[in-house]
Amino acid sequence: MYSPSRSAVIVRPKQPYIDWAVENGDGMTPDPNGEAFLYLVPEFDSTEQGMQVLEEYFPMIFEHELASWDEDEATWPEERDFETFLEWFEIELCAVPIDLCFDDDSETVH
């Protein structure tokens, strides 16, 4: 096992995102308990540090989440600040992700 020099943020949709997606989708509805994106971010050691890192990286995450549903930026919400991001997405911070595919002997990834 290998712990990369990164931490992670898992993002799941909340109701405001689901409402937006239904309005701008093709009849499908995002499942808040379904698949989620995991984003690797710079290392952090505490929830407070994790939120600081998230505050720096949320614009990219927000845009990725929107584009994953609808690439037409004209449909995206105008207000995309950190407060809106936290209203639209459930966030899970992971300070120490473990890479189970790393081979310590060869120092390569399978």
N, C-alpha and C. Protein backbone atom coordinates (compact mmCIF):
# COMPACT_ATOMS: atom_id res chain seq x y z
N MET A 1 0.84 -1.18 0.00
CA MET A 1 0.00 0.00 0.00
C MET A 1 0.88 1.24 0.00
N TYR A 2 0.32 2.29 -0.53
CA TYR A 2 1.07 3.53 -0.69
C TYR A 2 0.15 4.71 -0.38
N SER A 3 0.64 5.67 0.35
CA SER A 3 -0.12 6.88 0.62
C SER A 3 0.50 8.02 -0.20
N PRO A 4 -0.21 8.47 -1.24
CA PRO A 4 0.35 9.54 -2.07
C PRO A 4 0.45 10.85 -1.29
N SER A 5 1.25 11.76 -1.78
CA SER A 5 1.40 13.06 -1.13
C SER A 5 0.24 13.96 -1.52
N ARG A 6 -0.95 13.47 -1.27
CA ARG A 6 -2.18 14.19 -1.60
C ARG A 6 -3.23 13.85 -0.54
N SER A 7 -4.23 14.69 -0.47
CA SER A 7 -5.44 14.39 0.27
C SER A 7 -6.55 14.34 -0.76
N ALA A 8 -7.78 14.09 -0.32
CA ALA A 8 -8.87 13.93 -1.28
C ALA A 8 -10.14 14.60 -0.76
N VAL A 9 -10.98 14.98 -1.73
CA VAL A 9 -12.29 15.54 -1.45
C VAL A 9 -13.30 14.74 -2.27
N ILE A 10 -14.32 14.21 -1.62
CA ILE A 10 -15.40 13.50 -2.30
C ILE A 10 -16.59 14.45 -2.36
N VAL A 11 -17.21 14.55 -3.53
CA VAL A 11 -18.29 15.51 -3.76
C VAL A 11 -19.54 14.77 -4.23
N ARG A 12 -20.65 15.00 -3.54
CA ARG A 12 -21.95 14.41 -3.90
C ARG A 12 -22.98 15.53 -4.03
N PRO A 13 -23.92 15.38 -4.95
CA PRO A 13 -24.92 16.44 -5.15
C PRO A 13 -25.93 16.53 -4.02
N LYS A 14 -26.29 17.78 -3.70
CA LYS A 14 -27.41 18.06 -2.79
C LYS A 14 -28.60 18.52 -3.65
N GLN A 15 -29.71 18.81 -3.00
CA GLN A 15 -30.95 19.14 -3.71
C GLN A 15 -30.84 20.30 -4.69
N PRO A 16 -30.14 21.41 -4.37
CA PRO A 16 -30.05 22.49 -5.37
C PRO A 16 -29.40 22.03 -6.68
N TYR A 17 -28.34 21.21 -6.59
CA TYR A 17 -27.72 20.68 -7.80
C TYR A 17 -28.68 19.75 -8.52
N ILE A 18 -29.36 18.89 -7.79
CA ILE A 18 -30.31 17.95 -8.39
C ILE A 18 -31.40 18.72 -9.11
N ASP A 19 -31.95 19.76 -8.49
CA ASP A 19 -32.98 20.57 -9.13
C ASP A 19 -32.47 21.20 -10.42
N TRP A 20 -31.26 21.76 -10.38
CA TRP A 20 -30.65 22.36 -11.57
C TRP A 20 -30.46 21.29 -12.66
N ALA A 21 -29.96 20.12 -12.27
CA ALA A 21 -29.70 19.05 -13.23
C ALA A 21 -30.98 18.56 -13.89
N VAL A 22 -32.05 18.42 -13.12
CA VAL A 22 -33.33 17.98 -13.68
C VAL A 22 -33.84 19.02 -14.68
N GLU A 23 -33.71 20.28 -14.32
CA GLU A 23 -34.16 21.37 -15.20
C GLU A 23 -33.35 21.43 -16.49
N ASN A 24 -32.08 21.03 -16.43
CA ASN A 24 -31.19 21.16 -17.58
C ASN A 24 -30.74 19.82 -18.15
N GLY A 25 -31.43 18.77 -17.81
CA GLY A 25 -31.01 17.46 -18.26
C GLY A 25 -31.93 16.87 -19.30
N ASP A 26 -31.72 15.60 -19.53
CA ASP A 26 -32.48 14.87 -20.55
C ASP A 26 -33.43 13.87 -19.90
N GLY A 27 -34.03 14.28 -18.79
CA GLY A 27 -34.97 13.41 -18.10
C GLY A 27 -34.35 12.56 -17.02
N MET A 28 -33.04 12.61 -16.90
CA MET A 28 -32.36 11.84 -15.85
C MET A 28 -32.25 12.69 -14.59
N THR A 29 -32.08 12.03 -13.46
CA THR A 29 -31.91 12.71 -12.18
C THR A 29 -30.65 12.19 -11.50
N PRO A 30 -29.75 13.08 -11.06
CA PRO A 30 -28.56 12.62 -10.34
C PRO A 30 -28.96 11.91 -9.05
N ASP A 31 -28.23 10.87 -8.72
CA ASP A 31 -28.47 10.12 -7.50
C ASP A 31 -27.47 10.57 -6.44
N PRO A 32 -27.93 11.24 -5.39
CA PRO A 32 -26.99 11.72 -4.37
C PRO A 32 -26.27 10.59 -3.64
N ASN A 33 -26.80 9.37 -3.73
CA ASN A 33 -26.15 8.23 -3.10
C ASN A 33 -25.42 7.35 -4.10
N GLY A 34 -25.39 7.79 -5.35
CA GLY A 34 -24.73 7.02 -6.40
C GLY A 34 -23.25 7.37 -6.49
N GLU A 35 -22.73 7.22 -7.69
CA GLU A 35 -21.32 7.53 -7.90
C GLU A 35 -21.01 8.96 -7.53
N ALA A 36 -19.81 9.16 -7.05
CA ALA A 36 -19.34 10.50 -6.69
C ALA A 36 -17.96 10.69 -7.28
N PHE A 37 -17.60 11.94 -7.50
CA PHE A 37 -16.24 12.24 -7.93
C PHE A 37 -15.35 12.37 -6.70
N LEU A 38 -14.12 11.89 -6.83
CA LEU A 38 -13.10 12.05 -5.80
C LEU A 38 -12.01 12.90 -6.43
N TYR A 39 -11.70 14.01 -5.79
CA TYR A 39 -10.70 14.94 -6.30
C TYR A 39 -9.47 14.89 -5.40
N LEU A 40 -8.30 14.68 -6.00
CA LEU A 40 -7.06 14.75 -5.24
C LEU A 40 -6.64 16.21 -5.14
N VAL A 41 -6.27 16.61 -3.94
CA VAL A 41 -5.89 17.99 -3.65
C VAL A 41 -4.60 17.97 -2.82
N PRO A 42 -3.96 19.14 -2.63
CA PRO A 42 -2.78 19.16 -1.76
C PRO A 42 -3.09 18.60 -0.37
N GLU A 43 -2.06 18.05 0.24
CA GLU A 43 -2.22 17.43 1.56
C GLU A 43 -2.75 18.40 2.61
N PHE A 44 -3.58 17.87 3.49
CA PHE A 44 -4.01 18.61 4.68
C PHE A 44 -4.07 17.63 5.84
N ASP A 45 -3.96 18.18 7.05
CA ASP A 45 -3.90 17.35 8.25
C ASP A 45 -5.12 17.46 9.16
N SER A 46 -5.98 18.42 8.88
CA SER A 46 -7.13 18.63 9.75
C SER A 46 -8.32 19.08 8.90
N THR A 47 -9.49 19.03 9.50
CA THR A 47 -10.70 19.50 8.80
C THR A 47 -10.55 20.98 8.45
N GLU A 48 -10.00 21.75 9.37
CA GLU A 48 -9.82 23.19 9.11
C GLU A 48 -8.90 23.41 7.90
N GLN A 49 -7.78 22.70 7.85
CA GLN A 49 -6.88 22.81 6.71
C GLN A 49 -7.55 22.31 5.43
N GLY A 50 -8.32 21.23 5.57
CA GLY A 50 -9.03 20.68 4.41
C GLY A 50 -10.01 21.68 3.83
N MET A 51 -10.71 22.40 4.68
CA MET A 51 -11.65 23.42 4.20
C MET A 51 -10.91 24.58 3.54
N GLN A 52 -9.73 24.91 4.04
CA GLN A 52 -8.93 25.96 3.40
C GLN A 52 -8.48 25.53 2.01
N VAL A 53 -8.05 24.28 1.89
CA VAL A 53 -7.67 23.75 0.58
C VAL A 53 -8.88 23.72 -0.34
N LEU A 54 -10.01 23.26 0.18
CA LEU A 54 -11.22 23.20 -0.62
C LEU A 54 -11.62 24.59 -1.11
N GLU A 55 -11.48 25.59 -0.26
CA GLU A 55 -11.85 26.95 -0.65
C GLU A 55 -10.99 27.44 -1.82
N GLU A 56 -9.76 26.96 -1.89
CA GLU A 56 -8.88 27.33 -3.00
C GLU A 56 -9.26 26.60 -4.29
N TYR A 57 -9.67 25.35 -4.18
CA TYR A 57 -9.90 24.50 -5.35
C TYR A 57 -11.36 24.36 -5.77
N PHE A 58 -12.30 24.88 -4.96
CA PHE A 58 -13.71 24.66 -5.28
C PHE A 58 -14.14 25.18 -6.64
N PRO A 59 -13.57 26.30 -7.17
CA PRO A 59 -14.05 26.75 -8.49
C PRO A 59 -13.87 25.68 -9.57
N MET A 60 -12.72 25.00 -9.57
CA MET A 60 -12.48 23.94 -10.56
C MET A 60 -13.43 22.76 -10.33
N ILE A 61 -13.64 22.41 -9.07
CA ILE A 61 -14.53 21.29 -8.74
C ILE A 61 -15.96 21.63 -9.15
N PHE A 62 -16.41 22.84 -8.81
CA PHE A 62 -17.77 23.28 -9.14
C PHE A 62 -17.98 23.20 -10.65
N GLU A 63 -17.04 23.74 -11.42
CA GLU A 63 -17.17 23.73 -12.87
C GLU A 63 -17.16 22.31 -13.42
N HIS A 64 -16.33 21.45 -12.87
CA HIS A 64 -16.30 20.06 -13.33
C HIS A 64 -17.62 19.37 -13.06
N GLU A 65 -18.17 19.59 -11.87
CA GLU A 65 -19.45 18.98 -11.52
C GLU A 65 -20.57 19.46 -12.45
N LEU A 66 -20.59 20.75 -12.76
CA LEU A 66 -21.60 21.29 -13.67
C LEU A 66 -21.41 20.74 -15.08
N ALA A 67 -20.18 20.75 -15.56
CA ALA A 67 -19.89 20.28 -16.92
C ALA A 67 -20.14 18.79 -17.07
N SER A 68 -20.02 18.05 -15.98
CA SER A 68 -20.28 16.61 -16.08
C SER A 68 -21.75 16.32 -16.36
N TRP A 69 -22.61 17.31 -16.07
CA TRP A 69 -24.05 17.15 -16.33
C TRP A 69 -24.46 17.88 -17.59
N ASP A 70 -23.97 19.12 -17.75
CA ASP A 70 -24.36 19.94 -18.89
C ASP A 70 -23.18 20.84 -19.26
N GLU A 71 -22.60 20.62 -20.42
CA GLU A 71 -21.44 21.40 -20.84
C GLU A 71 -21.80 22.82 -21.28
N ASP A 72 -23.07 23.10 -21.48
CA ASP A 72 -23.51 24.43 -21.90
C ASP A 72 -23.43 25.39 -20.72
N GLU A 73 -22.39 26.20 -20.69
CA GLU A 73 -22.16 27.11 -19.57
C GLU A 73 -23.29 28.12 -19.40
N ALA A 74 -24.07 28.33 -20.43
CA ALA A 74 -25.20 29.27 -20.33
C ALA A 74 -26.25 28.77 -19.34
N THR A 75 -26.27 27.47 -19.07
CA THR A 75 -27.24 26.91 -18.12
C THR A 75 -26.71 26.92 -16.69
N TRP A 76 -25.43 27.17 -16.54
CA TRP A 76 -24.82 27.14 -15.21
C TRP A 76 -25.32 28.30 -14.36
N PRO A 77 -25.39 28.10 -13.06
CA PRO A 77 -25.82 29.21 -12.18
C PRO A 77 -24.80 30.35 -12.22
N GLU A 78 -25.30 31.57 -12.21
CA GLU A 78 -24.40 32.72 -12.20
C GLU A 78 -23.61 32.79 -10.90
N GLU A 79 -24.27 32.50 -9.81
CA GLU A 79 -23.64 32.55 -8.49
C GLU A 79 -22.90 31.25 -8.24
N ARG A 80 -21.57 31.30 -8.27
CA ARG A 80 -20.77 30.09 -8.04
C ARG A 80 -19.67 30.38 -7.00
N ASP A 81 -20.08 30.99 -5.90
CA ASP A 81 -19.14 31.27 -4.82
C ASP A 81 -19.04 30.06 -3.89
N PHE A 82 -18.18 30.16 -2.88
CA PHE A 82 -17.95 29.04 -1.98
C PHE A 82 -19.21 28.67 -1.21
N GLU A 83 -19.97 29.68 -0.78
CA GLU A 83 -21.21 29.42 -0.05
C GLU A 83 -22.19 28.61 -0.91
N THR A 84 -22.34 29.00 -2.16
CA THR A 84 -23.23 28.28 -3.08
C THR A 84 -22.72 26.86 -3.30
N PHE A 85 -21.42 26.72 -3.45
CA PHE A 85 -20.83 25.39 -3.62
C PHE A 85 -21.21 24.48 -2.46
N LEU A 86 -21.10 24.98 -1.25
CA LEU A 86 -21.43 24.17 -0.07
C LEU A 86 -22.92 23.89 0.04
N GLU A 87 -23.75 24.78 -0.52
CA GLU A 87 -25.19 24.53 -0.55
C GLU A 87 -25.54 23.46 -1.58
N TRP A 88 -24.79 23.38 -2.65
CA TRP A 88 -25.09 22.48 -3.76
C TRP A 88 -24.47 21.09 -3.61
N PHE A 89 -23.43 20.96 -2.78
CA PHE A 89 -22.71 19.69 -2.71
C PHE A 89 -22.41 19.27 -1.28
N GLU A 90 -22.55 17.97 -1.05
CA GLU A 90 -22.12 17.33 0.19
C GLU A 90 -20.62 17.05 0.02
N ILE A 91 -19.85 17.44 1.00
CA ILE A 91 -18.39 17.32 0.92
C ILE A 91 -17.90 16.33 1.96
N GLU A 92 -17.01 15.46 1.54
CA GLU A 92 -16.33 14.56 2.47
C GLU A 92 -14.83 14.75 2.28
N LEU A 93 -14.13 15.08 3.35
CA LEU A 93 -12.69 15.29 3.29
C LEU A 93 -11.98 14.01 3.70
N CYS A 94 -10.92 13.68 2.99
CA CYS A 94 -10.10 12.51 3.29
C CYS A 94 -8.64 12.95 3.33
N ALA A 95 -8.07 13.03 4.53
CA ALA A 95 -6.71 13.54 4.68
C ALA A 95 -5.66 12.58 4.14
N VAL A 96 -5.91 11.27 4.25
CA VAL A 96 -4.88 10.30 3.87
C VAL A 96 -5.47 9.22 2.96
N PRO A 97 -5.52 9.45 1.65
CA PRO A 97 -5.97 8.38 0.75
C PRO A 97 -4.88 7.32 0.64
N ILE A 98 -5.28 6.08 0.42
CA ILE A 98 -4.35 4.97 0.29
C ILE A 98 -4.47 4.41 -1.12
N ASP A 99 -3.35 4.28 -1.81
CA ASP A 99 -3.30 3.72 -3.16
C ASP A 99 -3.00 2.23 -3.04
N LEU A 100 -3.98 1.39 -3.31
CA LEU A 100 -3.80 -0.05 -3.19
C LEU A 100 -3.16 -0.67 -4.44
N CYS A 101 -2.96 0.12 -5.48
CA CYS A 101 -2.38 -0.39 -6.72
C CYS A 101 -0.90 -0.13 -6.83
N PHE A 102 -0.31 0.46 -5.84
CA PHE A 102 1.11 0.80 -5.87
C PHE A 102 1.92 -0.42 -5.43
N ASP A 103 2.94 -0.75 -6.19
CA ASP A 103 3.82 -1.88 -5.90
C ASP A 103 5.12 -1.35 -5.31
N ASP A 104 5.33 -1.58 -4.01
CA ASP A 104 6.52 -1.05 -3.34
C ASP A 104 7.83 -1.59 -3.92
N ASP A 105 7.84 -2.81 -4.43
CA ASP A 105 9.07 -3.42 -4.93
C ASP A 105 9.54 -2.71 -6.21
N SER A 106 8.63 -2.44 -7.11
CA SER A 106 9.04 -1.88 -8.39
C SER A 106 8.81 -0.38 -8.47
N GLU A 107 8.15 0.18 -7.43
CA GLU A 107 7.81 1.59 -7.40
C GLU A 107 7.05 2.02 -8.63
N THR A 108 6.19 1.15 -9.11
CA THR A 108 5.33 1.47 -10.25
C THR A 108 3.90 1.23 -9.87
N VAL A 109 3.03 1.81 -10.62
CA VAL A 109 1.60 1.61 -10.41
C VAL A 109 1.11 0.60 -11.42
N HIS A 110 0.31 -0.35 -10.97
CA HIS A 110 -0.23 -1.38 -11.88
C HIS A 110 -1.27 -0.79 -12.77
